[in-house]
Amino acid sequence: MPEMDYELYMDTAVLAGKIMLESNAETYRVEETVTRILQKTDLEMIDAIAITTGLIATLDNSNMDAITVVKRISNRTTNLNKITRVNDVSRKFTEGAITIQEAYSFLQNIDDIQYNSFRKNLATFIFVQMIFLMYGGTFFDFVFLMPVSASIACITHYGRRWMVRPFILDMVASFSIAVLTTFMQRVLPFNIQFDLLIIAGIMPLLPGTAMTNGVRDIFKGDYMSGGAKVLEAFVIAIFIALGIGAGLVVGGIG
């Protein structure tokens, strides 16, 4: 097998790992995916190390120079759709259903098959509304939750477009939730379910996936990456609480 093909295997494996890390996948899962792809080369030495902010992969053999790639991961966001698609590509490639060239091409164009911004914003809006009903909210208050849901979708959309840090974005969104709900509580001539509106509004902001993946990494023995994700989840939760508290104070309720 020519050395150029080894480089293609490495590029494919590292690209798969990079997409998964940026999508907030567990680090042990990233290492398994990268290793599976590289094992198809049948070389003697195959290593992959993934941490929250980086990926290192190595290919080596007695009759060739080692190939080592280090990839820095700067931005992360939860995207289970990308993780699922990368796993699907890895599984098809290791089973021989697709070639390495097809796998690399698919990973390069993975953004072309993601949901567009309108669908993401609509999903956020509907999610908040449905959470409110699930918690026992009335249809009357359901209507007044709509501007809150719309503001959350708008803030998260532009925050991600401008690459605002997640904890800052969540603090701004939670602040707007508290301000809007306190404003409606003051100006409306009737009472609304003030607490349920806030609870439903912050649900899409909570770092549940990051916390779960961090705990799973810790159980797998990857304490550094797992601890980093758990810490990140706690920081986001603290900033959400600060945003809600500040909004209540501005609204005159805190």
C-alpha atoms as a PDB file:
ATOM      1  CA  MET A   1       0.000   0.000   0.000  1.00  0.00           C
ATOM      2  CA  PRO A   2       1.569   3.332  -1.026  1.00  0.00           C
ATOM      3  CA  GLU A   3       2.374   5.870   1.652  1.00  0.00           C
ATOM      4  CA  MET A   4      -0.067   8.333   0.089  1.00  0.00           C
ATOM      5  CA  ASP A   5      -2.869   5.934   1.001  1.00  0.00           C
ATOM      6  CA  TYR A   6      -1.665   5.893   4.606  1.00  0.00           C
ATOM      7  CA  GLU A   7      -1.991   9.656   4.658  1.00  0.00           C
ATOM      8  CA  LEU A   8      -5.533   9.391   3.322  1.00  0.00           C
ATOM      9  CA  TYR A   9      -6.420   6.933   6.079  1.00  0.00           C
ATOM     10  CA  MET A  10      -4.939   9.309   8.636  1.00  0.00           C
ATOM     11  CA  ASP A  11      -6.751  12.322   7.186  1.00  0.00           C
ATOM     12  CA  THR A  12     -10.042  10.430   7.231  1.00  0.00           C
ATOM     13  CA  ALA A  13      -9.607   9.181  10.797  1.00  0.00           C
ATOM     14  CA  VAL A  14      -8.556  12.577  12.149  1.00  0.00           C
ATOM     15  CA  LEU A  15     -11.404  14.339  10.341  1.00  0.00           C
ATOM     16  CA  ALA A  16     -13.890  11.879  11.849  1.00  0.00           C
ATOM     17  CA  GLY A  17     -12.430  12.431  15.322  1.00  0.00           C
ATOM     18  CA  LYS A  18     -12.415  16.207  14.890  1.00  0.00           C
ATOM     19  CA  ILE A  19     -16.096  16.287  13.890  1.00  0.00           C
ATOM     20  CA  MET A  20     -17.044  14.103  16.849  1.00  0.00           C
ATOM     21  CA  LEU A  21     -15.075  16.168  19.384  1.00  0.00           C
ATOM     22  CA  GLU A  22     -16.561  19.398  18.035  1.00  0.00           C
ATOM     23  CA  SER A  23     -19.990  17.768  18.409  1.00  0.00           C
ATOM     24  CA  ASN A  24     -19.309  17.003  22.104  1.00  0.00           C
ATOM     25  CA  ALA A  25     -18.934  13.232  21.741  1.00  0.00           C
ATOM     26  CA  GLU A  26     -17.366  11.164  24.512  1.00  0.00           C
ATOM     27  CA  THR A  27     -13.579  11.000  24.140  1.00  0.00           C
ATOM     28  CA  TYR A  28     -13.480   7.210  24.450  1.00  0.00           C
ATOM     29  CA  ARG A  29     -15.946   6.970  21.559  1.00  0.00           C
ATOM     30  CA  VAL A  30     -13.744   9.292  19.483  1.00  0.00           C
ATOM     31  CA  GLU A  31     -10.678   7.167  20.172  1.00  0.00           C
ATOM     32  CA  GLU A  32     -12.555   3.994  19.219  1.00  0.00           C
ATOM     33  CA  THR A  33     -13.748   5.505  15.928  1.00  0.00           C
ATOM     34  CA  VAL A  34     -10.301   6.820  14.959  1.00  0.00           C
ATOM     35  CA  THR A  35      -8.661   3.499  15.885  1.00  0.00           C
ATOM     36  CA  ARG A  36     -11.166   1.446  13.887  1.00  0.00           C
ATOM     37  CA  ILE A  37     -10.478   3.451  10.743  1.00  0.00           C
ATOM     38  CA  LEU A  38      -6.701   3.286  11.169  1.00  0.00           C
ATOM     39  CA  GLN A  39      -6.746  -0.453  11.890  1.00  0.00           C
ATOM     40  CA  LYS A  40      -7.756  -1.047   8.270  1.00  0.00           C
ATOM     41  CA  THR A  41      -4.157  -0.176   7.338  1.00  0.00           C
ATOM     42  CA  ASP A  42      -2.896  -3.321   9.170  1.00  0.00           C
ATOM     43  CA  LEU A  43       0.152  -1.452  10.470  1.00  0.00           C
ATOM     44  CA  GLU A  44       1.967  -2.488  13.634  1.00  0.00           C
ATOM     45  CA  MET A  45       1.564   0.714  15.649  1.00  0.00           C
ATOM     46  CA  ILE A  46      -1.765   2.540  15.783  1.00  0.00           C
ATOM     47  CA  ASP A  47      -2.438   5.057  18.536  1.00  0.00           C
ATOM     48  CA  ALA A  48      -5.186   7.616  19.101  1.00  0.00           C
ATOM     49  CA  ILE A  49      -5.519   9.942  22.072  1.00  0.00           C
ATOM     50  CA  ALA A  50      -8.493  12.287  22.392  1.00  0.00           C
ATOM     51  CA  ILE A  51      -9.024  14.977  24.998  1.00  0.00           C
ATOM     52  CA  THR A  52     -11.650  17.677  25.207  1.00  0.00           C
ATOM     53  CA  THR A  53      -9.527  20.232  23.352  1.00  0.00           C
ATOM     54  CA  GLY A  54      -7.417  18.081  21.039  1.00  0.00           C
ATOM     55  CA  LEU A  55      -6.766  14.877  19.138  1.00  0.00           C
ATOM     56  CA  ILE A  56      -3.487  13.015  18.494  1.00  0.00           C
ATOM     57  CA  ALA A  57      -3.210  10.063  16.097  1.00  0.00           C
ATOM     58  CA  THR A  58      -0.175   8.048  14.995  1.00  0.00           C
ATOM     59  CA  LEU A  59       0.550   5.443  12.313  1.00  0.00           C
ATOM     60  CA  ASP A  60       3.906   3.653  12.272  1.00  0.00           C
ATOM     61  CA  ASN A  61       5.588   0.575  10.873  1.00  0.00           C
ATOM     62  CA  SER A  62       9.130  -0.795  10.636  1.00  0.00           C
ATOM     63  CA  ASN A  63       9.435  -0.020   6.915  1.00  0.00           C
ATOM     64  CA  MET A  64       8.055   3.538   6.904  1.00  0.00           C
ATOM     65  CA  ASP A  65       8.354   6.892   8.628  1.00  0.00           C
ATOM     66  CA  ALA A  66       5.807   7.500  11.356  1.00  0.00           C
ATOM     67  CA  ILE A  67       2.787   9.662  10.534  1.00  0.00           C
ATOM     68  CA  THR A  68       1.534  11.695  13.484  1.00  0.00           C
ATOM     69  CA  VAL A  69      -1.214  14.300  13.364  1.00  0.00           C
ATOM     70  CA  VAL A  70      -2.189  16.700  16.146  1.00  0.00           C
ATOM     71  CA  LYS A  71      -5.521  18.503  15.784  1.00  0.00           C
ATOM     72  CA  ARG A  72      -6.606  21.352  18.052  1.00  0.00           C
ATOM     73  CA  ILE A  73     -10.321  21.555  18.916  1.00  0.00           C
ATOM     74  CA  SER A  74     -11.301  25.167  19.623  1.00  0.00           C
ATOM     75  CA  ASN A  75     -15.096  25.181  19.347  1.00  0.00           C
ATOM     76  CA  ARG A  76     -17.557  22.617  20.657  1.00  0.00           C
ATOM     77  CA  THR A  77     -21.319  22.348  20.478  1.00  0.00           C
ATOM     78  CA  THR A  78     -23.672  19.442  21.039  1.00  0.00           C
ATOM     79  CA  ASN A  79     -24.668  17.913  17.697  1.00  0.00           C
ATOM     80  CA  LEU A  80     -25.904  14.337  18.030  1.00  0.00           C
ATOM     81  CA  ASN A  81     -26.799  14.272  14.342  1.00  0.00           C
ATOM     82  CA  LYS A  82     -23.147  14.657  13.317  1.00  0.00           C
ATOM     83  CA  ILE A  83     -21.997  12.054  15.840  1.00  0.00           C
ATOM     84  CA  THR A  84     -24.521   9.562  14.485  1.00  0.00           C
ATOM     85  CA  ARG A  85     -23.505  10.191  10.882  1.00  0.00           C
ATOM     86  CA  VAL A  86     -19.789   9.846  11.617  1.00  0.00           C
ATOM     87  CA  ASN A  87     -20.463   6.570  13.418  1.00  0.00           C
ATOM     88  CA  ASP A  88     -22.461   5.417  10.404  1.00  0.00           C
ATOM     89  CA  VAL A  89     -19.589   6.252   8.032  1.00  0.00           C
ATOM     90  CA  SER A  90     -17.072   4.489  10.286  1.00  0.00           C
ATOM     91  CA  ARG A  91     -19.254   1.390  10.527  1.00  0.00           C
ATOM     92  CA  LYS A  92     -19.828   1.191   6.763  1.00  0.00           C
ATOM     93  CA  PHE A  93     -16.124   1.666   6.047  1.00  0.00           C
ATOM     94  CA  THR A  94     -14.917  -0.964   8.511  1.00  0.00           C
ATOM     95  CA  GLU A  95     -17.499  -3.409   7.135  1.00  0.00           C
ATOM     96  CA  GLY A  96     -16.235  -2.778   3.593  1.00  0.00           C
ATOM     97  CA  ALA A  97     -19.440  -1.190   2.325  1.00  0.00           C
ATOM     98  CA  ILE A  98     -17.629   2.008   1.228  1.00  0.00           C
ATOM     99  CA  THR A  99     -14.047   2.853   0.260  1.00  0.00           C
ATOM    100  CA  ILE A 100     -11.701   5.152   2.150  1.00  0.00           C
ATOM    101  CA  GLN A 101     -12.125   7.778  -0.573  1.00  0.00           C
ATOM    102  CA  GLU A 102     -15.905   7.678  -0.200  1.00  0.00           C
ATOM    103  CA  ALA A 103     -15.638   7.878   3.585  1.00  0.00           C
ATOM    104  CA  TYR A 104     -13.361  10.923   3.399  1.00  0.00           C
ATOM    105  CA  SER A 105     -15.617  12.648   0.869  1.00  0.00           C
ATOM    106  CA  PHE A 106     -18.695  12.027   3.016  1.00  0.00           C
ATOM    107  CA  LEU A 107     -17.015  13.460   6.122  1.00  0.00           C
ATOM    108  CA  GLN A 108     -15.854  16.530   4.199  1.00  0.00           C
ATOM    109  CA  ASN A 109     -19.439  17.247   3.125  1.00  0.00           C
ATOM    110  CA  ILE A 110     -21.155  16.336   6.390  1.00  0.00           C
ATOM    111  CA  ASP A 111     -22.326  19.944   6.905  1.00  0.00           C
ATOM    112  CA  ASP A 112     -24.337  19.749   3.684  1.00  0.00           C
ATOM    113  CA  ILE A 113     -26.789  17.293   5.256  1.00  0.00           C
ATOM    114  CA  GLN A 114     -27.366  19.086   8.536  1.00  0.00           C
ATOM    115  CA  TYR A 115     -30.545  20.904   9.479  1.00  0.00           C
ATOM    116  CA  ASN A 116     -30.674  24.533   8.371  1.00  0.00           C
ATOM    117  CA  SER A 117     -30.947  27.470  10.764  1.00  0.00           C
ATOM    118  CA  PHE A 118     -34.697  27.888  10.303  1.00  0.00           C
ATOM    119  CA  ARG A 119     -35.385  24.281  11.328  1.00  0.00           C
ATOM    120  CA  LYS A 120     -33.085  24.557  14.342  1.00  0.00           C
ATOM    121  CA  ASN A 121     -34.756  27.753  15.514  1.00  0.00           C
ATOM    122  CA  LEU A 122     -38.210  26.295  14.943  1.00  0.00           C
ATOM    123  CA  ALA A 123     -37.241  23.179  16.912  1.00  0.00           C
ATOM    124  CA  THR A 124     -36.006  25.334  19.810  1.00  0.00           C
ATOM    125  CA  PHE A 125     -39.252  27.315  19.800  1.00  0.00           C
ATOM    126  CA  ILE A 126     -41.447  24.210  19.748  1.00  0.00           C
ATOM    127  CA  PHE A 127     -39.317  22.456  22.373  1.00  0.00           C
ATOM    128  CA  VAL A 128     -39.799  25.263  24.905  1.00  0.00           C
ATOM    129  CA  GLN A 129     -43.537  25.407  24.228  1.00  0.00           C
ATOM    130  CA  MET A 130     -43.974  21.643  24.600  1.00  0.00           C
ATOM    131  CA  ILE A 131     -41.886  21.510  27.789  1.00  0.00           C
ATOM    132  CA  PHE A 132     -44.230  24.095  29.301  1.00  0.00           C
ATOM    133  CA  LEU A 133     -47.272  21.951  28.530  1.00  0.00           C
ATOM    134  CA  MET A 134     -45.518  18.844  29.835  1.00  0.00           C
ATOM    135  CA  TYR A 135     -44.948  20.570  33.186  1.00  0.00           C
ATOM    136  CA  GLY A 136     -48.668  21.270  33.492  1.00  0.00           C
ATOM    137  CA  GLY A 137     -48.866  24.744  32.008  1.00  0.00           C
ATOM    138  CA  THR A 138     -52.200  26.053  30.799  1.00  0.00           C
ATOM    139  CA  PHE A 139     -52.960  26.857  27.180  1.00  0.00           C
ATOM    140  CA  PHE A 140     -53.564  30.480  28.206  1.00  0.00           C
ATOM    141  CA  ASP A 141     -50.014  30.832  29.518  1.00  0.00           C
ATOM    142  CA  PHE A 142     -48.781  28.790  26.567  1.00  0.00           C
ATOM    143  CA  VAL A 143     -49.612  31.755  24.339  1.00  0.00           C
ATOM    144  CA  PHE A 144     -47.698  34.231  26.507  1.00  0.00           C
ATOM    145  CA  LEU A 145     -44.648  31.944  26.474  1.00  0.00           C
ATOM    146  CA  MET A 146     -44.285  32.430  22.717  1.00  0.00           C
ATOM    147  CA  PRO A 147     -42.258  35.689  22.872  1.00  0.00           C
ATOM    148  CA  VAL A 148     -39.935  34.059  25.410  1.00  0.00           C
ATOM    149  CA  SER A 149     -39.434  31.037  23.142  1.00  0.00           C
ATOM    150  CA  ALA A 150     -38.828  33.310  20.161  1.00  0.00           C
ATOM    151  CA  SER A 151     -36.213  35.345  22.054  1.00  0.00           C
ATOM    152  CA  ILE A 152     -34.360  32.167  23.070  1.00  0.00           C
ATOM    153  CA  ALA A 153     -34.272  30.928  19.484  1.00  0.00           C
ATOM    154  CA  CYS A 154     -33.090  34.327  18.245  1.00  0.00           C
ATOM    155  CA  ILE A 155     -30.338  34.732  20.866  1.00  0.00           C
ATOM    156  CA  THR A 156     -28.968  31.213  20.442  1.00  0.00           C
ATOM    157  CA  HIS A 157     -29.040  31.552  16.648  1.00  0.00           C
ATOM    158  CA  TYR A 158     -27.021  34.767  16.510  1.00  0.00           C
ATOM    159  CA  GLY A 159     -24.820  33.746  19.429  1.00  0.00           C
ATOM    160  CA  ARG A 160     -23.669  30.627  17.596  1.00  0.00           C
ATOM    161  CA  ARG A 161     -23.252  32.546  14.348  1.00  0.00           C
ATOM    162  CA  TRP A 162     -21.013  35.070  16.109  1.00  0.00           C
ATOM    163  CA  MET A 163     -19.227  32.225  17.949  1.00  0.00           C
ATOM    164  CA  VAL A 164     -20.033  33.538  21.426  1.00  0.00           C
ATOM    165  CA  ARG A 165     -18.766  31.300  24.219  1.00  0.00           C
ATOM    166  CA  PRO A 166     -21.514  28.913  25.422  1.00  0.00           C
ATOM    167  CA  PHE A 167     -21.596  30.127  29.021  1.00  0.00           C
ATOM    168  CA  ILE A 168     -21.884  33.785  27.947  1.00  0.00           C
ATOM    169  CA  LEU A 169     -24.585  32.911  25.418  1.00  0.00           C
ATOM    170  CA  ASP A 170     -26.583  30.966  28.002  1.00  0.00           C
ATOM    171  CA  MET A 171     -26.268  33.794  30.532  1.00  0.00           C
ATOM    172  CA  VAL A 172     -27.618  36.334  28.031  1.00  0.00           C
ATOM    173  CA  ALA A 173     -30.458  34.003  27.032  1.00  0.00           C
ATOM    174  CA  SER A 174     -31.420  33.253  30.647  1.00  0.00           C
ATOM    175  CA  PHE A 175     -31.269  36.973  31.466  1.00  0.00           C
ATOM    176  CA  SER A 176     -33.707  37.709  28.631  1.00  0.00           C
ATOM    177  CA  ILE A 177     -36.020  34.929  29.855  1.00  0.00           C
ATOM    178  CA  ALA A 178     -36.186  36.413  33.339  1.00  0.00           C
ATOM    179  CA  VAL A 179     -36.644  39.993  32.101  1.00  0.00           C
ATOM    180  CA  LEU A 180     -39.442  39.065  29.687  1.00  0.00           C
ATOM    181  CA  THR A 181     -41.336  36.949  32.202  1.00  0.00           C
ATOM    182  CA  THR A 182     -41.068  39.571  34.966  1.00  0.00           C
ATOM    183  CA  PHE A 183     -42.198  42.236  32.507  1.00  0.00           C
ATOM    184  CA  MET A 184     -45.282  40.207  31.582  1.00  0.00           C
ATOM    185  CA  GLN A 185     -45.946  39.499  35.254  1.00  0.00           C
ATOM    186  CA  ARG A 186     -46.017  43.242  35.939  1.00  0.00           C
ATOM    187  CA  VAL A 187     -47.946  44.566  32.954  1.00  0.00           C
ATOM    188  CA  LEU A 188     -50.572  41.856  32.500  1.00  0.00           C
ATOM    189  CA  PRO A 189     -53.767  42.415  34.524  1.00  0.00           C
ATOM    190  CA  PHE A 190     -53.921  38.730  35.485  1.00  0.00           C
ATOM    191  CA  ASN A 191     -51.511  36.222  36.980  1.00  0.00           C
ATOM    192  CA  ILE A 192     -49.375  33.933  34.842  1.00  0.00           C
ATOM    193  CA  GLN A 193     -47.433  30.818  35.819  1.00  0.00           C
ATOM    194  CA  PHE A 194     -44.285  32.817  36.278  1.00  0.00           C
ATOM    195  CA  ASP A 195     -42.107  29.969  37.577  1.00  0.00           C
ATOM    196  CA  LEU A 196     -43.111  27.508  34.855  1.00  0.00           C
ATOM    197  CA  LEU A 197     -42.352  30.042  32.135  1.00  0.00           C
ATOM    198  CA  ILE A 198     -38.793  30.433  33.428  1.00  0.00           C
ATOM    199  CA  ILE A 199     -38.290  26.688  33.907  1.00  0.00           C
ATOM    200  CA  ALA A 200     -39.497  25.886  30.383  1.00  0.00           C
ATOM    201  CA  GLY A 201     -37.350  28.685  28.949  1.00  0.00           C
ATOM    202  CA  ILE A 202     -34.054  27.504  30.432  1.00  0.00           C
ATOM    203  CA  MET A 203     -34.532  23.822  29.544  1.00  0.00           C
ATOM    204  CA  PRO A 204     -32.796  24.021  26.095  1.00  0.00           C
ATOM    205  CA  LEU A 205     -29.896  25.910  27.713  1.00  0.00           C
ATOM    206  CA  LEU A 206     -29.073  23.315  30.365  1.00  0.00           C
ATOM    207  CA  PRO A 207     -25.855  21.325  29.687  1.00  0.00           C
ATOM    208  CA  GLY A 208     -27.380  17.905  30.241  1.00  0.00           C
ATOM    209  CA  THR A 209     -25.589  16.192  27.350  1.00  0.00           C
ATOM    210  CA  ALA A 210     -22.191  17.601  28.329  1.00  0.00           C
ATOM    211  CA  MET A 211     -22.677  16.451  31.919  1.00  0.00           C
ATOM    212  CA  THR A 212     -23.767  12.964  30.832  1.00  0.00           C
ATOM    213  CA  ASN A 213     -20.834  12.553  28.425  1.00  0.00           C
ATOM    214  CA  GLY A 214     -18.424  13.785  31.081  1.00  0.00           C
ATOM    215  CA  VAL A 215     -19.664  11.222  33.592  1.00  0.00           C
ATOM    216  CA  ARG A 216     -19.438   8.469  30.969  1.00  0.00           C
ATOM    217  CA  ASP A 217     -15.829   9.465  30.210  1.00  0.00           C
ATOM    218  CA  ILE A 218     -15.010   9.294  33.924  1.00  0.00           C
ATOM    219  CA  PHE A 219     -16.566   5.816  34.179  1.00  0.00           C
ATOM    220  CA  LYS A 220     -14.406   4.773  31.211  1.00  0.00           C
ATOM    221  CA  GLY A 221     -11.293   5.948  33.084  1.00  0.00           C
ATOM    222  CA  ASP A 222     -10.680   9.150  31.112  1.00  0.00           C
ATOM    223  CA  TYR A 223     -10.643  11.418  34.153  1.00  0.00           C
ATOM    224  CA  MET A 224      -9.073  14.460  32.485  1.00  0.00           C
ATOM    225  CA  SER A 225     -11.586  14.787  29.657  1.00  0.00           C
ATOM    226  CA  GLY A 226     -14.500  13.701  31.820  1.00  0.00           C
ATOM    227  CA  GLY A 227     -13.600  16.138  34.569  1.00  0.00           C
ATOM    228  CA  ALA A 228     -13.216  18.956  32.041  1.00  0.00           C
ATOM    229  CA  LYS A 229     -16.697  18.319  30.617  1.00  0.00           C
ATOM    230  CA  VAL A 230     -18.288  18.097  34.061  1.00  0.00           C
ATOM    231  CA  LEU A 231     -16.570  21.350  35.051  1.00  0.00           C
ATOM    232  CA  GLU A 232     -17.759  23.008  31.846  1.00  0.00           C
ATOM    233  CA  ALA A 233     -21.327  21.875  32.570  1.00  0.00           C
ATOM    234  CA  PHE A 234     -21.147  23.339  36.091  1.00  0.00           C
ATOM    235  CA  VAL A 235     -19.786  26.644  34.759  1.00  0.00           C
ATOM    236  CA  ILE A 236     -22.644  26.868  32.238  1.00  0.00           C
ATOM    237  CA  ALA A 237     -25.186  26.089  34.966  1.00  0.00           C
ATOM    238  CA  ILE A 238     -23.707  28.808  37.200  1.00  0.00           C
ATOM    239  CA  PHE A 239     -23.895  31.380  34.403  1.00  0.00           C
ATOM    240  CA  ILE A 240     -27.505  30.404  33.684  1.00  0.00           C
ATOM    241  CA  ALA A 241     -28.303  30.970  37.361  1.00  0.00           C
ATOM    242  CA  LEU A 242     -26.514  34.336  37.259  1.00  0.00           C
ATOM    243  CA  GLY A 243     -28.503  35.354  34.180  1.00  0.00           C
ATOM    244  CA  ILE A 244     -31.811  34.397  35.783  1.00  0.00           C
ATOM    245  CA  GLY A 245     -30.892  36.146  39.031  1.00  0.00           C
ATOM    246  CA  ALA A 246     -29.826  39.324  37.247  1.00  0.00           C
ATOM    247  CA  GLY A 247     -33.004  39.306  35.171  1.00  0.00           C
ATOM    248  CA  LEU A 248     -35.184  38.944  38.258  1.00  0.00           C
ATOM    249  CA  VAL A 249     -33.379  41.840  39.926  1.00  0.00           C
ATOM    250  CA  VAL A 250     -33.780  44.038  36.844  1.00  0.00           C
ATOM    251  CA  GLY A 251     -37.430  43.035  36.668  1.00  0.00           C
ATOM    252  CA  GLY A 252     -37.901  44.038  40.300  1.00  0.00           C
ATOM    253  CA  ILE A 253     -38.739  40.602  41.648  1.00  0.00           C
ATOM    254  CA  GLY A 254     -35.372  39.367  42.977  1.00  0.00           C
END
